[in-house]
Amino acid sequence: MKNSLFFVIALCVVGCTSTNSHNKPHGNVNAVIPAPSNIELALDSTGASTVGFFSDGNIYVDGFKNLSGSYDLVKAWFESAGLKVEEGGVHKPNLYFELVDAIPGMFEGDEDYGISVGNDEIRIIASHETGLFRGWTTLRLMMPSSAESGGCANGFFLPQVEIYDTPEFEHRGLLLDCCRHFMEPEFVKKQIDILALHKMNVLHWHLTEDQGWRIEIDAYPLLTEVGAWRTELDGSTHGGFYTKETIREIIEYAAERHVEIIPEIEIPGHSQAALAAYPWLGCTGEHLPVANKWGVFKDIYCAGNDQTLEFLETVLDEVCELFPSNRIHIGGDEAPKVRWAACPKCQTRITSEHLADEHELQTWIRARERLL
């Protein structure tokens, strides 16, 4: 997180609540990771943090609906912490989710937010629902650890603090390789939970490789019937794939947590699982197994074969239809040119497209797929 114009919400703090403080769990600003851009923690004469918020186990919320798609998730978390949640009731709110207009140097980004913990009142402010969710995440991290296991039914304390936060990096992600070893959908969701908890916003989901093809493609069913499974060196079978229905479910799960999923579809290398399913995709037409070893393999998509190009177009069309992200990673590394150098179709392509060599052929096929 980087330094930014500090955001201050004016609150008239009369004093701090100390009733039964030894019986209530306390929150901790130092538990917030990554640390927010700016923190102003109120301290007493001894240098200890000042209690600003006390809950008796009841949370009265105003503006919950401003969280939009994350509403159910956030409300369920408060309830799982043991808190009774009321919105729009007769009680004066003590937790506010406020959407405001951006101003120069403040709340300009969708993820920017401010938090003010004052005298029995918490305000989370942002110009976008993503910012409100990030602010709630910081509040969650500040809460007593017992909140994660339902331990706040009798109330809790939070320190008096003012926070303004904006991300230092636009892209904060994790690459999850489900190709070498298949990962169950619940495991993928758990990783999304962890990303969101640390305010990371991208899951880079690696879905095709030499060792396994993990995404269902309607036009080419053998990609998962054959390409998703391999015979290990000990004779056992390893594999699995994600149906489109499962992928949509995971995408929705990530969206609720404001995590973008970027799929990775390798082109032109790391494609032996696809060639195992459809041998004509390669230069030789040889029947290959799904790879069961690690390394770089010389059999890659044939750039001179019009059928292979049609295959890639169809695959990318289905991927684009499935994923809302405007980004797809198509790899491009570790693509040996051995087969292309000996392939009549690839050599014809180099000539007809006025390319210098096989390296320019890879540039050509990657540019072609990007422009579809």
Protein backbone atom coordinates (compact mmCIF):
# COMPACT_ATOMS: atom_id res chain seq x y z
CA MET A 1 0.00 0.00 0.00
CA LYS A 2 1.25 3.52 -0.78
CA ASN A 3 0.95 6.83 0.97
CA SER A 4 -2.14 8.78 -0.01
CA LEU A 5 -4.06 11.82 1.09
CA PHE A 6 -5.28 10.87 4.54
CA PHE A 7 -9.00 10.61 4.93
CA VAL A 8 -10.55 11.94 8.10
CA ILE A 9 -14.16 11.63 9.08
CA ALA A 10 -15.10 14.16 11.71
CA LEU A 11 -16.42 12.38 14.75
CA CYS A 12 -17.06 13.92 18.12
CA VAL A 13 -15.47 11.40 20.46
CA VAL A 14 -16.69 12.09 23.96
CA GLY A 15 -14.74 9.32 25.65
CA CYS A 16 -14.07 5.65 25.51
CA THR A 17 -16.23 2.78 26.66
CA SER A 18 -14.67 0.59 29.29
CA THR A 19 -17.63 -1.29 30.74
CA ASN A 20 -16.65 -4.89 31.40
CA SER A 21 -13.67 -4.47 29.11
CA HIS A 22 -11.91 -7.42 30.70
CA ASN A 23 -14.79 -9.67 29.63
CA LYS A 24 -14.89 -8.60 25.99
CA PRO A 25 -12.41 -9.51 23.23
CA HIS A 26 -10.49 -6.61 21.69
CA GLY A 27 -9.71 -5.96 18.05
CA ASN A 28 -6.25 -5.15 16.74
CA VAL A 29 -5.31 -2.76 13.92
CA ASN A 30 -1.91 -4.46 13.62
CA ALA A 31 -3.67 -7.60 12.42
CA VAL A 32 -4.52 -5.95 9.08
CA ILE A 33 -2.40 -7.43 6.27
CA PRO A 34 -1.45 -5.76 3.99
CA ALA A 35 -1.17 -2.63 6.11
CA PRO A 36 -3.45 0.17 4.90
CA SER A 37 -1.96 3.26 3.26
CA ASN A 38 -2.70 5.56 6.18
CA ILE A 39 -3.63 4.80 9.79
CA GLU A 40 -4.24 7.27 12.59
CA LEU A 41 -4.66 5.34 15.81
CA ALA A 42 -5.86 7.21 18.90
CA LEU A 43 -3.57 6.59 21.90
CA ASP A 44 -3.96 7.40 25.56
CA SER A 45 -1.32 8.98 27.79
CA THR A 46 0.42 5.63 28.24
CA GLY A 47 0.68 5.00 24.51
CA ALA A 48 -2.04 2.35 24.53
CA SER A 49 -4.80 2.38 21.93
CA THR A 50 -8.06 3.97 22.96
CA VAL A 51 -11.28 1.99 22.82
CA GLY A 52 -13.58 3.64 20.32
CA PHE A 53 -16.27 1.05 19.62
CA PHE A 54 -18.13 -1.28 21.92
CA SER A 55 -20.68 -3.86 20.83
CA ASP A 56 -22.90 -5.82 23.17
CA GLY A 57 -23.36 -8.45 20.46
CA ASN A 58 -25.75 -6.41 18.32
CA ILE A 59 -24.84 -4.72 15.03
CA TYR A 60 -27.26 -2.14 13.64
CA VAL A 61 -26.44 -1.48 10.00
CA ASP A 62 -27.23 1.33 7.61
CA GLY A 63 -26.38 1.07 3.90
CA PHE A 64 -25.94 -2.71 3.79
CA LYS A 65 -27.42 -2.83 0.30
CA ASN A 66 -24.59 -0.62 -0.98
CA LEU A 67 -22.49 -3.78 -0.89
CA SER A 68 -24.63 -5.05 -3.75
CA GLY A 69 -23.48 -8.55 -4.81
CA SER A 70 -21.48 -9.05 -1.59
CA TYR A 71 -24.40 -8.28 0.72
CA ASP A 72 -25.31 -11.88 1.58
CA LEU A 73 -21.68 -12.83 2.13
CA VAL A 74 -20.94 -9.95 4.51
CA LYS A 75 -24.17 -10.35 6.47
CA ALA A 76 -23.57 -14.08 6.84
CA TRP A 77 -20.07 -13.42 8.18
CA PHE A 78 -21.33 -11.09 10.92
CA GLU A 79 -23.89 -13.68 11.92
CA SER A 80 -21.27 -16.45 11.92
CA ALA A 81 -19.23 -14.24 14.29
CA GLY A 82 -22.08 -14.62 16.77
CA LEU A 83 -23.49 -11.14 16.22
CA LYS A 84 -27.14 -10.24 15.88
CA VAL A 85 -27.56 -8.12 12.75
CA GLU A 86 -30.37 -5.62 12.31
CA GLU A 87 -30.87 -3.30 9.37
CA GLY A 88 -33.55 -0.68 9.00
CA GLY A 89 -34.86 -1.24 12.51
CA VAL A 90 -35.71 1.15 15.31
CA HIS A 91 -32.20 1.27 16.74
CA LYS A 92 -29.70 3.93 15.79
CA PRO A 93 -27.16 2.40 13.39
CA ASN A 94 -23.69 1.74 14.70
CA LEU A 95 -22.22 0.47 11.42
CA TYR A 96 -22.52 2.47 8.19
CA PHE A 97 -21.68 1.46 4.61
CA GLU A 98 -21.62 4.74 2.70
CA LEU A 99 -21.15 5.40 -1.01
CA VAL A 100 -19.81 8.86 -1.82
CA ASP A 101 -18.63 10.71 -4.91
CA ALA A 102 -14.93 10.58 -5.70
CA ILE A 103 -12.96 13.76 -5.14
CA PRO A 104 -9.45 14.63 -6.37
CA GLY A 105 -6.92 12.51 -4.51
CA MET A 106 -9.54 10.57 -2.60
CA PHE A 107 -11.84 7.64 -3.47
CA GLU A 108 -10.81 7.93 -7.12
CA GLY A 109 -10.24 4.18 -7.49
CA ASP A 110 -12.90 1.51 -7.19
CA GLU A 111 -10.95 -0.15 -4.36
CA ASP A 112 -10.26 2.98 -2.28
CA TYR A 113 -12.01 3.16 1.07
CA GLY A 114 -11.99 4.91 4.42
CA ILE A 115 -12.84 3.56 7.87
CA SER A 116 -13.56 5.56 10.98
CA VAL A 117 -13.98 3.78 14.28
CA GLY A 118 -15.28 6.27 16.81
CA ASN A 119 -17.42 6.42 19.90
CA ASP A 120 -19.65 3.37 19.36
CA GLU A 121 -19.84 4.02 15.64
CA ILE A 122 -18.08 2.56 12.61
CA ARG A 123 -18.23 4.16 9.17
CA ILE A 124 -16.93 2.48 6.01
CA ILE A 125 -16.90 4.88 3.06
CA ALA A 126 -16.04 4.36 -0.62
CA SER A 127 -17.11 5.51 -4.06
CA HIS A 128 -17.68 1.95 -5.30
CA GLU A 129 -19.05 -1.25 -3.83
CA THR A 130 -15.64 -2.88 -4.28
CA GLY A 131 -14.16 -0.26 -1.98
CA LEU A 132 -16.86 -0.97 0.60
CA PHE A 133 -16.02 -4.66 0.42
CA ARG A 134 -12.31 -3.93 0.87
CA GLY A 135 -13.20 -1.73 3.82
CA TRP A 136 -15.30 -4.47 5.37
CA THR A 137 -12.37 -6.85 4.88
CA THR A 138 -10.15 -4.50 6.86
CA LEU A 139 -12.81 -4.32 9.56
CA ARG A 140 -12.94 -8.12 9.61
CA LEU A 141 -9.17 -8.30 10.07
CA MET A 142 -9.36 -5.73 12.89
CA MET A 143 -12.02 -7.73 14.70
CA PRO A 144 -11.06 -10.06 17.56
CA SER A 145 -9.83 -13.39 16.22
CA SER A 146 -12.70 -15.08 18.07
CA ALA A 147 -15.05 -13.54 15.49
CA GLU A 148 -13.88 -16.20 13.03
CA SER A 149 -15.34 -18.92 15.24
CA GLY A 150 -18.55 -17.31 16.52
CA GLY A 151 -16.98 -15.86 19.65
CA CYS A 152 -18.43 -12.34 19.62
CA ALA A 153 -21.94 -13.11 20.82
CA ASN A 154 -21.29 -11.20 24.06
CA GLY A 155 -19.75 -8.20 22.32
CA PHE A 156 -16.30 -6.89 21.51
CA PHE A 157 -14.18 -3.74 21.50
CA LEU A 158 -12.36 -2.01 18.64
CA PRO A 159 -9.66 0.66 18.93
CA GLN A 160 -10.45 4.21 17.96
CA VAL A 161 -8.84 4.65 14.55
CA GLU A 162 -9.12 6.40 11.21
CA ILE A 163 -7.96 4.63 8.05
CA TYR A 164 -7.69 5.62 4.41
CA ASP A 165 -6.52 2.95 2.02
CA THR A 166 -5.77 2.65 -1.69
CA PRO A 167 -3.95 -0.21 -3.43
CA GLU A 168 -0.39 0.33 -4.59
CA PHE A 169 -0.73 -2.13 -7.46
CA GLU A 170 -3.71 -2.48 -9.77
CA HIS A 171 -3.10 -6.19 -10.37
CA ARG A 172 -2.61 -8.26 -7.22
CA GLY A 173 -3.00 -11.91 -8.04
CA LEU A 174 -2.18 -15.56 -7.66
CA LEU A 175 -1.51 -18.08 -10.43
CA LEU A 176 -3.25 -21.36 -9.65
CA ASP A 177 -1.98 -24.27 -11.77
CA CYS A 178 -4.72 -26.90 -11.84
CA CYS A 179 -3.19 -28.69 -14.85
CA ARG A 180 -0.24 -30.58 -13.43
CA HIS A 181 -2.46 -31.62 -10.53
CA PHE A 182 -6.23 -31.25 -10.61
CA MET A 183 -7.70 -29.20 -7.77
CA GLU A 184 -11.28 -29.76 -6.62
CA PRO A 185 -13.73 -26.84 -6.96
CA GLU A 186 -13.97 -26.40 -3.19
CA PHE A 187 -10.20 -26.01 -3.01
CA VAL A 188 -10.32 -23.35 -5.75
CA LYS A 189 -12.99 -21.49 -3.78
CA LYS A 190 -10.85 -21.66 -0.66
CA GLN A 191 -8.01 -19.98 -2.55
CA ILE A 192 -10.42 -17.25 -3.65
CA ASP A 193 -11.42 -16.74 -0.01
CA ILE A 194 -7.76 -16.33 0.93
CA LEU A 195 -7.14 -13.91 -1.93
CA ALA A 196 -10.09 -11.75 -0.90
CA LEU A 197 -9.02 -11.79 2.75
CA HIS A 198 -5.67 -10.29 1.70
CA LYS A 199 -7.33 -7.82 -0.71
CA MET A 200 -5.87 -9.52 -3.75
CA ASN A 201 -8.05 -9.08 -6.80
CA VAL A 202 -7.01 -11.63 -9.47
CA LEU A 203 -7.03 -15.40 -9.73
CA HIS A 204 -4.94 -16.40 -12.75
CA TRP A 205 -6.41 -19.83 -13.48
CA HIS A 206 -4.14 -22.13 -15.48
CA LEU A 207 -6.48 -24.56 -17.29
CA THR A 208 -4.56 -26.22 -20.16
CA GLU A 209 -1.17 -27.93 -20.18
CA ASP A 210 0.82 -30.93 -21.40
CA GLN A 211 -0.23 -32.85 -18.28
CA GLY A 212 -3.95 -32.13 -18.43
CA TRP A 213 -6.78 -30.19 -20.10
CA ARG A 214 -9.14 -28.96 -17.38
CA ILE A 215 -11.88 -26.88 -19.07
CA GLU A 216 -14.95 -28.29 -20.81
CA ILE A 217 -15.23 -27.25 -24.48
CA ASP A 218 -18.53 -28.20 -26.09
CA ALA A 219 -17.20 -28.36 -29.66
CA TYR A 220 -14.36 -30.70 -28.72
CA PRO A 221 -15.51 -33.19 -26.05
CA LEU A 222 -12.38 -35.36 -26.30
CA LEU A 223 -10.36 -32.55 -24.71
CA THR A 224 -11.81 -33.59 -21.36
CA GLU A 225 -12.74 -37.20 -22.14
CA VAL A 226 -9.13 -37.95 -23.12
CA GLY A 227 -7.01 -34.87 -22.39
CA ALA A 228 -8.07 -34.47 -18.76
CA TRP A 229 -6.63 -37.82 -17.67
CA ARG A 230 -3.12 -39.25 -17.62
CA THR A 231 -1.52 -42.54 -16.64
CA GLU A 232 1.13 -41.94 -14.00
CA LEU A 233 4.49 -43.70 -13.95
CA ASP A 234 3.19 -46.10 -11.28
CA GLY A 235 0.21 -47.04 -13.46
CA SER A 236 -2.38 -45.02 -11.54
CA THR A 237 -4.69 -42.53 -13.22
CA HIS A 238 -4.75 -38.84 -12.35
CA GLY A 239 -7.07 -36.19 -13.69
CA GLY A 240 -10.28 -34.27 -13.63
CA PHE A 241 -11.83 -31.24 -15.28
CA TYR A 242 -14.25 -28.40 -14.65
CA THR A 243 -17.62 -28.39 -16.38
CA LYS A 244 -18.88 -25.07 -17.65
CA GLU A 245 -21.52 -25.12 -14.93
CA THR A 246 -18.84 -25.51 -12.26
CA ILE A 247 -16.74 -22.74 -13.80
CA ARG A 248 -19.73 -20.37 -13.83
CA GLU A 249 -20.31 -21.17 -10.16
CA ILE A 250 -16.68 -20.41 -9.32
CA ILE A 251 -16.76 -17.18 -11.36
CA GLU A 252 -19.85 -16.05 -9.43
CA TYR A 253 -18.20 -17.02 -6.15
CA ALA A 254 -15.15 -14.92 -7.05
CA ALA A 255 -17.28 -11.96 -8.18
CA GLU A 256 -18.98 -11.84 -4.77
CA ARG A 257 -15.51 -11.43 -3.29
CA HIS A 258 -14.39 -8.92 -5.94
CA VAL A 259 -11.82 -11.26 -7.43
CA GLU A 260 -11.41 -11.37 -11.22
CA ILE A 261 -10.63 -14.74 -12.78
CA ILE A 262 -8.26 -14.67 -15.76
CA PRO A 263 -8.14 -18.03 -17.58
CA GLU A 264 -4.93 -19.30 -19.15
CA ILE A 265 -5.17 -21.25 -22.41
CA GLU A 266 -1.67 -22.14 -23.61
CA ILE A 267 -0.80 -21.31 -27.26
CA PRO A 268 1.13 -22.73 -29.08
CA GLY A 269 3.18 -24.85 -26.65
CA HIS A 270 2.32 -26.90 -23.57
CA SER A 271 -0.41 -28.52 -25.66
CA GLN A 272 0.30 -32.26 -25.52
CA ALA A 273 -2.96 -33.01 -23.67
CA ALA A 274 -4.88 -31.45 -26.56
CA LEU A 275 -2.78 -33.36 -29.10
CA ALA A 276 -3.50 -36.58 -27.20
CA ALA A 277 -7.22 -35.92 -27.70
CA TYR A 278 -6.93 -34.72 -31.31
CA PRO A 279 -3.66 -35.84 -32.93
CA TRP A 280 -4.34 -33.79 -36.12
CA LEU A 281 -3.70 -30.61 -34.10
CA GLY A 282 0.05 -31.34 -34.25
CA CYS A 283 2.50 -31.32 -37.11
CA THR A 284 3.05 -35.09 -37.25
CA GLY A 285 -0.42 -36.44 -36.48
CA GLU A 286 1.24 -38.89 -34.08
CA HIS A 287 -0.92 -40.37 -31.33
CA LEU A 288 0.60 -39.08 -28.11
CA PRO A 289 -0.31 -39.76 -24.47
CA VAL A 290 -1.18 -37.00 -22.02
CA ALA A 291 2.23 -36.14 -20.58
CA ASN A 292 3.06 -37.78 -17.24
CA LYS A 293 6.45 -36.13 -16.78
CA TRP A 294 7.50 -32.50 -16.32
CA GLY A 295 9.52 -30.60 -18.87
CA VAL A 296 9.29 -28.93 -22.28
CA PHE A 297 7.89 -31.03 -25.14
CA LYS A 298 8.59 -30.58 -28.84
CA ASP A 299 5.07 -31.46 -30.03
CA ILE A 300 3.01 -28.24 -30.17
CA TYR A 301 0.07 -26.91 -32.18
CA CYS A 302 0.72 -26.90 -35.93
CA ALA A 303 0.69 -23.27 -37.02
CA GLY A 304 0.45 -24.24 -40.69
CA ASN A 305 -2.73 -26.29 -40.30
CA ASP A 306 -5.95 -24.34 -40.98
CA GLN A 307 -7.92 -26.92 -38.95
CA THR A 308 -5.70 -26.22 -35.94
CA LEU A 309 -6.34 -22.49 -36.28
CA GLU A 310 -10.09 -23.17 -36.46
CA PHE A 311 -9.78 -25.29 -33.31
CA LEU A 312 -8.04 -22.48 -31.43
CA GLU A 313 -10.62 -19.94 -32.59
CA THR A 314 -13.47 -22.13 -31.37
CA VAL A 315 -11.81 -22.83 -28.02
CA LEU A 316 -11.15 -19.14 -27.41
CA ASP A 317 -14.70 -18.24 -28.48
CA GLU A 318 -16.11 -20.61 -25.86
CA VAL A 319 -13.67 -19.35 -23.22
CA CYS A 320 -14.58 -15.71 -23.97
CA GLU A 321 -18.27 -16.55 -23.71
CA LEU A 322 -17.72 -18.24 -20.37
CA PHE A 323 -15.43 -15.78 -18.57
CA PRO A 324 -16.49 -12.15 -17.98
CA SER A 325 -12.86 -10.99 -17.75
CA ASN A 326 -11.63 -9.03 -20.75
CA ARG A 327 -8.26 -10.76 -20.42
CA ILE A 328 -7.13 -14.26 -21.38
CA HIS A 329 -3.56 -15.41 -20.89
CA ILE A 330 -2.35 -17.45 -23.87
CA GLY A 331 1.10 -18.34 -22.56
CA GLY A 332 3.63 -18.52 -25.38
CA ASP A 333 6.68 -19.64 -23.44
CA GLU A 334 8.63 -22.87 -23.91
CA ALA A 335 7.44 -23.58 -27.46
CA PRO A 336 10.23 -25.45 -29.29
CA LYS A 337 10.25 -24.93 -33.07
CA VAL A 338 11.61 -28.39 -33.95
CA ARG A 339 8.36 -29.68 -35.46
CA TRP A 340 7.64 -26.42 -37.28
CA ALA A 341 11.07 -26.44 -38.89
CA ALA A 342 10.35 -29.88 -40.38
CA CYS A 343 6.65 -29.32 -41.16
CA PRO A 344 5.73 -28.56 -44.82
CA LYS A 345 2.52 -26.78 -43.76
CA CYS A 346 4.36 -24.53 -41.31
CA GLN A 347 7.03 -23.72 -43.87
CA THR A 348 4.33 -22.86 -46.40
CA ARG A 349 2.74 -20.56 -43.83
CA ILE A 350 6.04 -18.80 -43.23
CA THR A 351 6.37 -18.19 -46.98
CA SER A 352 2.78 -17.11 -47.61
CA GLU A 353 2.77 -14.69 -44.68
CA HIS A 354 6.20 -13.31 -45.60
CA LEU A 355 7.72 -14.30 -42.28
CA ALA A 356 11.44 -14.59 -41.63
CA ASP A 357 11.46 -17.86 -39.67
CA GLU A 358 9.71 -20.07 -37.13
CA HIS A 359 10.08 -17.44 -34.41
CA GLU A 360 8.10 -14.95 -36.48
CA LEU A 361 5.56 -17.73 -37.11
CA GLN A 362 4.94 -17.89 -33.37
CA THR A 363 4.52 -14.11 -33.27
CA TRP A 364 2.07 -14.43 -36.16
CA ILE A 365 -0.10 -17.12 -34.55
CA ARG A 366 -0.17 -15.31 -31.20
CA ALA A 367 -1.10 -12.01 -32.83
CA ARG A 368 -3.78 -13.78 -34.85
CA GLU A 369 -5.39 -15.34 -31.79
CA ARG A 370 -5.25 -12.05 -29.85
CA LEU A 371 -7.10 -10.24 -32.65
CA LEU A 372 -9.96 -12.75 -33.02
